[in-house]
Amino acid sequence: MNYTKEEITQANKTCRDRGSVGERALVPRYILKHSDIGKTYLDFGAGKRARHVETLRMHGLEVDAYDFGDNFVRGLHVKLGKKKYDVVYASNVLNVQTNEEMLHKTLLEIVGVCSEEFICNYPESPRKCRNISVGRLREILEEYFLEVERVGGSSGAPIFRCKI
C-alpha cells in the first residue's frame, strides 16, 4: 500500500514498549482467551519490538509480526504477501491512522491477508483522526467485513471482532 511519508512517520511515533503491552494489553488478552492452537495469527502493526507476538508465542500460538517504516526489523517482521492468516489482530493501530483515507488503506491490507477474522481495538487516546468516532469506525469496518461485533472494551473504547 502506498502510505505517505508523513503517515508512516506518525504511525511509527506511536509505537511503545511499556505500559499496556504483552499480556497487559486488551487485544492480546482477548486473543489468548479465544485462541486456537493450530491457527495462524498476524500482529498487524506489531511495533518495533513486537512485544505482543513474543507473549503469544510463549503460549504456543503461531504468530507473525508486521510493521512498516522505521518499525520494520528484518528477521522479526514479515512483509505482507500472498500468505493468509486465520486471525489478524491490530492492537492500538486503527486509532493512530492520521485520516480516513489511511484507515481505508490499512483495512484493505488487513483484508488482503485475513482469511477468517480480524480483532482490533479503538482506544480513546491517542486518536490521531478525531473525525472518526466509534460509530463511524464500526460503519467503516462493516464496509470490509461481513460481521462486526463489539466483544470487549467499553462503548467509548471498544474491541471489535470482525468476520470475513
C-alpha atoms as a PDB file:
ATOM      1  CA  MET A   1       0.000   0.000   0.000  1.00  0.00           C
ATOM      2  CA  ASN A   2       1.249   3.465  -0.704  1.00  0.00           C
ATOM      3  CA  TYR A   3       1.308   5.434   2.509  1.00  0.00           C
ATOM      4  CA  THR A   4       2.735   8.928   2.568  1.00  0.00           C
ATOM      5  CA  LYS A   5       5.978   9.524   4.429  1.00  0.00           C
ATOM      6  CA  GLU A   6       4.019  11.631   6.930  1.00  0.00           C
ATOM      7  CA  GLU A   7       1.515   8.814   7.576  1.00  0.00           C
ATOM      8  CA  ILE A   8       4.333   6.319   8.186  1.00  0.00           C
ATOM      9  CA  THR A   9       6.221   8.726  10.455  1.00  0.00           C
ATOM     10  CA  GLN A  10       3.112   9.493  12.534  1.00  0.00           C
ATOM     11  CA  ALA A  11       2.238   5.809  12.925  1.00  0.00           C
ATOM     12  CA  ASN A  12       5.825   4.859  13.831  1.00  0.00           C
ATOM     13  CA  LYS A  13       5.946   7.563  16.520  1.00  0.00           C
ATOM     14  CA  THR A  14       3.068   5.927  18.399  1.00  0.00           C
ATOM     15  CA  CYS A  15       4.973   2.673  18.962  1.00  0.00           C
ATOM     16  CA  ARG A  16       5.524   1.831  22.620  1.00  0.00           C
ATOM     17  CA  ASP A  17       7.221  -0.933  24.536  1.00  0.00           C
ATOM     18  CA  ARG A  18       5.975  -0.079  28.016  1.00  0.00           C
ATOM     19  CA  GLY A  19       2.604   0.173  29.681  1.00  0.00           C
ATOM     20  CA  SER A  20      -0.194  -1.939  28.235  1.00  0.00           C
ATOM     21  CA  VAL A  21       1.861  -4.320  26.130  1.00  0.00           C
ATOM     22  CA  GLY A  22       2.043  -8.094  26.057  1.00  0.00           C
ATOM     23  CA  GLU A  23      -0.331  -9.787  28.493  1.00  0.00           C
ATOM     24  CA  ARG A  24      -1.467  -6.409  29.893  1.00  0.00           C
ATOM     25  CA  ALA A  25      -2.832  -5.222  26.547  1.00  0.00           C
ATOM     26  CA  LEU A  26      -6.528  -5.790  25.859  1.00  0.00           C
ATOM     27  CA  VAL A  27      -6.318  -7.255  22.354  1.00  0.00           C
ATOM     28  CA  PRO A  28      -3.595  -9.837  23.143  1.00  0.00           C
ATOM     29  CA  ARG A  29      -5.550 -10.836  26.279  1.00  0.00           C
ATOM     30  CA  TYR A  30      -8.626 -11.346  24.107  1.00  0.00           C
ATOM     31  CA  ILE A  31      -6.569 -13.379  21.623  1.00  0.00           C
ATOM     32  CA  LEU A  32      -5.182 -15.593  24.412  1.00  0.00           C
ATOM     33  CA  LYS A  33      -8.645 -16.214  25.856  1.00  0.00           C
ATOM     34  CA  HIS A  34     -10.160 -17.116  22.472  1.00  0.00           C
ATOM     35  CA  SER A  35      -7.169 -18.634  20.676  1.00  0.00           C
ATOM     36  CA  ASP A  36      -6.968 -21.930  18.883  1.00  0.00           C
ATOM     37  CA  ILE A  37      -3.651 -23.759  18.695  1.00  0.00           C
ATOM     38  CA  GLY A  38      -3.052 -24.580  15.053  1.00  0.00           C
ATOM     39  CA  LYS A  39      -4.472 -21.310  13.705  1.00  0.00           C
ATOM     40  CA  THR A  40      -2.155 -18.717  12.255  1.00  0.00           C
ATOM     41  CA  TYR A  41      -2.084 -15.183  13.652  1.00  0.00           C
ATOM     42  CA  LEU A  42      -0.685 -11.892  12.380  1.00  0.00           C
ATOM     43  CA  ASP A  43       0.017  -8.947  14.649  1.00  0.00           C
ATOM     44  CA  PHE A  44      -0.644  -6.083  12.236  1.00  0.00           C
ATOM     45  CA  GLY A  45       1.238  -3.002  13.449  1.00  0.00           C
ATOM     46  CA  ALA A  46       3.285  -5.038  15.899  1.00  0.00           C
ATOM     47  CA  GLY A  47       5.714  -2.259  16.773  1.00  0.00           C
ATOM     48  CA  LYS A  48       9.483  -2.268  16.608  1.00  0.00           C
ATOM     49  CA  ARG A  49       9.950  -4.988  19.246  1.00  0.00           C
ATOM     50  CA  ALA A  50       6.736  -6.973  18.615  1.00  0.00           C
ATOM     51  CA  ARG A  51       6.044  -7.473  22.342  1.00  0.00           C
ATOM     52  CA  HIS A  52       2.555  -8.937  21.812  1.00  0.00           C
ATOM     53  CA  VAL A  53       3.968 -11.559  19.437  1.00  0.00           C
ATOM     54  CA  GLU A  54       6.569 -12.567  21.979  1.00  0.00           C
ATOM     55  CA  THR A  55       3.866 -13.049  24.631  1.00  0.00           C
ATOM     56  CA  LEU A  56       1.509 -15.036  22.400  1.00  0.00           C
ATOM     57  CA  ARG A  57       4.305 -17.293  21.156  1.00  0.00           C
ATOM     58  CA  MET A  58       5.161 -18.136  24.774  1.00  0.00           C
ATOM     59  CA  HIS A  59       1.615 -19.524  24.998  1.00  0.00           C
ATOM     60  CA  GLY A  60       2.132 -21.763  21.956  1.00  0.00           C
ATOM     61  CA  LEU A  61       0.489 -19.678  19.245  1.00  0.00           C
ATOM     62  CA  GLU A  62       1.852 -19.398  15.711  1.00  0.00           C
ATOM     63  CA  VAL A  63       2.161 -15.619  15.343  1.00  0.00           C
ATOM     64  CA  ASP A  64       3.962 -13.393  12.835  1.00  0.00           C
ATOM     65  CA  ALA A  65       4.661  -9.691  13.279  1.00  0.00           C
ATOM     66  CA  TYR A  66       4.142  -6.993  10.681  1.00  0.00           C
ATOM     67  CA  ASP A  67       5.039  -3.323  10.762  1.00  0.00           C
ATOM     68  CA  PHE A  68       6.317  -0.726   8.335  1.00  0.00           C
ATOM     69  CA  GLY A  69       8.694   2.210   8.047  1.00  0.00           C
ATOM     70  CA  ASP A  70      11.278   2.559  10.810  1.00  0.00           C
ATOM     71  CA  ASN A  71       9.431  -0.061  12.873  1.00  0.00           C
ATOM     72  CA  PHE A  72      10.184  -2.839  10.367  1.00  0.00           C
ATOM     73  CA  VAL A  73      13.020  -5.053  11.657  1.00  0.00           C
ATOM     74  CA  ARG A  74      14.408  -7.661   9.283  1.00  0.00           C
ATOM     75  CA  GLY A  75      14.199 -11.123  10.847  1.00  0.00           C
ATOM     76  CA  LEU A  76      11.460 -10.061  13.277  1.00  0.00           C
ATOM     77  CA  HIS A  77       8.760  -8.715  10.962  1.00  0.00           C
ATOM     78  CA  VAL A  78       7.278 -10.261   7.843  1.00  0.00           C
ATOM     79  CA  LYS A  79       6.456  -8.451   4.648  1.00  0.00           C
ATOM     80  CA  LEU A  80       2.885  -8.768   3.519  1.00  0.00           C
ATOM     81  CA  GLY A  81       2.449 -11.007   0.525  1.00  0.00           C
ATOM     82  CA  LYS A  82       0.200 -13.829  -0.576  1.00  0.00           C
ATOM     83  CA  LYS A  83       0.183 -15.627   2.780  1.00  0.00           C
ATOM     84  CA  LYS A  84      -3.198 -15.564   4.521  1.00  0.00           C
ATOM     85  CA  TYR A  85      -3.635 -15.683   8.290  1.00  0.00           C
ATOM     86  CA  ASP A  86      -6.612 -17.198  10.075  1.00  0.00           C
ATOM     87  CA  VAL A  87      -6.704 -14.290  12.517  1.00  0.00           C
ATOM     88  CA  VAL A  88      -5.250 -10.820  12.055  1.00  0.00           C
ATOM     89  CA  TYR A  89      -5.230  -8.516  15.050  1.00  0.00           C
ATOM     90  CA  ALA A  90      -4.342  -4.864  15.483  1.00  0.00           C
ATOM     91  CA  SER A  91      -3.729  -3.532  18.967  1.00  0.00           C
ATOM     92  CA  ASN A  92      -3.646   0.270  19.139  1.00  0.00           C
ATOM     93  CA  VAL A  93      -3.380   0.586  15.363  1.00  0.00           C
ATOM     94  CA  LEU A  94      -6.648   1.920  13.955  1.00  0.00           C
ATOM     95  CA  ASN A  95      -6.645   4.785  16.441  1.00  0.00           C
ATOM     96  CA  VAL A  96      -3.349   6.139  15.101  1.00  0.00           C
ATOM     97  CA  GLN A  97      -4.423   6.405  11.475  1.00  0.00           C
ATOM     98  CA  THR A  98      -3.991  10.072  10.567  1.00  0.00           C
ATOM     99  CA  ASN A  99      -7.053  10.300   8.330  1.00  0.00           C
ATOM    100  CA  GLU A 100      -9.918   8.229   6.977  1.00  0.00           C
ATOM    101  CA  GLU A 101      -8.058   7.549   3.722  1.00  0.00           C
ATOM    102  CA  MET A 102      -5.178   5.985   5.654  1.00  0.00           C
ATOM    103  CA  LEU A 103      -7.662   3.882   7.630  1.00  0.00           C
ATOM    104  CA  HIS A 104      -9.126   2.547   4.384  1.00  0.00           C
ATOM    105  CA  LYS A 105      -5.636   1.707   3.054  1.00  0.00           C
ATOM    106  CA  THR A 106      -4.864  -0.139   6.292  1.00  0.00           C
ATOM    107  CA  LEU A 107      -8.120  -2.116   6.215  1.00  0.00           C
ATOM    108  CA  LEU A 108      -7.502  -3.101   2.580  1.00  0.00           C
ATOM    109  CA  GLU A 109      -4.126  -4.514   3.613  1.00  0.00           C
ATOM    110  CA  ILE A 110      -5.699  -6.379   6.528  1.00  0.00           C
ATOM    111  CA  VAL A 111      -8.478  -7.873   4.400  1.00  0.00           C
ATOM    112  CA  GLY A 112      -5.836  -8.949   1.882  1.00  0.00           C
ATOM    113  CA  VAL A 113      -4.069 -11.192   4.418  1.00  0.00           C
ATOM    114  CA  CYS A 114      -7.004 -12.273   6.609  1.00  0.00           C
ATOM    115  CA  SER A 115      -8.924 -15.498   5.958  1.00  0.00           C
ATOM    116  CA  GLU A 116     -11.284 -15.710   8.968  1.00  0.00           C
ATOM    117  CA  GLU A 117     -11.384 -12.847  11.418  1.00  0.00           C
ATOM    118  CA  PHE A 118      -9.909  -9.523  12.412  1.00  0.00           C
ATOM    119  CA  ILE A 119      -9.672  -8.363  16.027  1.00  0.00           C
ATOM    120  CA  CYS A 120      -8.994  -4.714  16.818  1.00  0.00           C
ATOM    121  CA  ASN A 121      -9.446  -2.097  19.477  1.00  0.00           C
ATOM    122  CA  TYR A 122     -10.132   1.620  19.229  1.00  0.00           C
ATOM    123  CA  PRO A 123      -8.683   3.333  22.314  1.00  0.00           C
ATOM    124  CA  GLU A 124      -9.781   6.845  23.150  1.00  0.00           C
ATOM    125  CA  SER A 125      -6.196   8.040  23.446  1.00  0.00           C
ATOM    126  CA  PRO A 126      -4.389   8.654  21.275  1.00  0.00           C
ATOM    127  CA  ARG A 127      -6.810   9.109  18.391  1.00  0.00           C
ATOM    128  CA  LYS A 128      -4.945  10.785  15.576  1.00  0.00           C
ATOM    129  CA  CYS A 129      -8.033  11.287  13.415  1.00  0.00           C
ATOM    130  CA  ARG A 130     -10.606  12.929  15.676  1.00  0.00           C
ATOM    131  CA  ASN A 131     -13.262  12.797  12.925  1.00  0.00           C
ATOM    132  CA  ILE A 132     -13.626   9.031  13.243  1.00  0.00           C
ATOM    133  CA  SER A 133     -15.983   8.252  16.123  1.00  0.00           C
ATOM    134  CA  VAL A 134     -16.596   4.731  17.386  1.00  0.00           C
ATOM    135  CA  GLY A 135     -19.818   4.685  15.385  1.00  0.00           C
ATOM    136  CA  ARG A 136     -18.073   5.815  12.213  1.00  0.00           C
ATOM    137  CA  LEU A 137     -15.321   3.219  12.710  1.00  0.00           C
ATOM    138  CA  ARG A 138     -17.949   0.492  13.005  1.00  0.00           C
ATOM    139  CA  GLU A 139     -19.570   1.704   9.756  1.00  0.00           C
ATOM    140  CA  ILE A 140     -16.198   1.592   8.015  1.00  0.00           C
ATOM    141  CA  LEU A 141     -15.454  -1.897   9.371  1.00  0.00           C
ATOM    142  CA  GLU A 142     -18.841  -3.054   8.070  1.00  0.00           C
ATOM    143  CA  GLU A 143     -17.737  -1.983   4.574  1.00  0.00           C
ATOM    144  CA  TYR A 144     -14.936  -4.582   4.716  1.00  0.00           C
ATOM    145  CA  PHE A 145     -16.300  -7.398   6.889  1.00  0.00           C
ATOM    146  CA  LEU A 146     -19.495  -9.469   6.833  1.00  0.00           C
ATOM    147  CA  GLU A 147     -19.964  -9.375  10.591  1.00  0.00           C
ATOM    148  CA  VAL A 148     -18.738  -6.794  13.115  1.00  0.00           C
ATOM    149  CA  GLU A 149     -19.400  -7.162  16.824  1.00  0.00           C
ATOM    150  CA  ARG A 150     -18.130  -5.473  19.940  1.00  0.00           C
ATOM    151  CA  VAL A 151     -16.592  -8.195  22.122  1.00  0.00           C
ATOM    152  CA  GLY A 152     -14.900  -6.177  24.840  1.00  0.00           C
ATOM    153  CA  GLY A 153     -13.552  -2.869  25.988  1.00  0.00           C
ATOM    154  CA  SER A 154     -16.020  -0.077  26.672  1.00  0.00           C
ATOM    155  CA  SER A 155     -18.542   1.710  24.482  1.00  0.00           C
ATOM    156  CA  GLY A 156     -16.039   4.566  24.070  1.00  0.00           C
ATOM    157  CA  ALA A 157     -13.025   2.319  23.571  1.00  0.00           C
ATOM    158  CA  PRO A 158     -14.271  -0.997  22.138  1.00  0.00           C
ATOM    159  CA  ILE A 159     -12.665  -4.222  20.990  1.00  0.00           C
ATOM    160  CA  PHE A 160     -14.226  -5.429  17.737  1.00  0.00           C
ATOM    161  CA  ARG A 161     -14.292  -8.909  16.261  1.00  0.00           C
ATOM    162  CA  CYS A 162     -14.829  -8.803  12.502  1.00  0.00           C
ATOM    163  CA  LYS A 163     -15.503 -11.855  10.341  1.00  0.00           C
ATOM    164  CA  ILE A 164     -14.606 -12.158   6.669  1.00  0.00           C
END
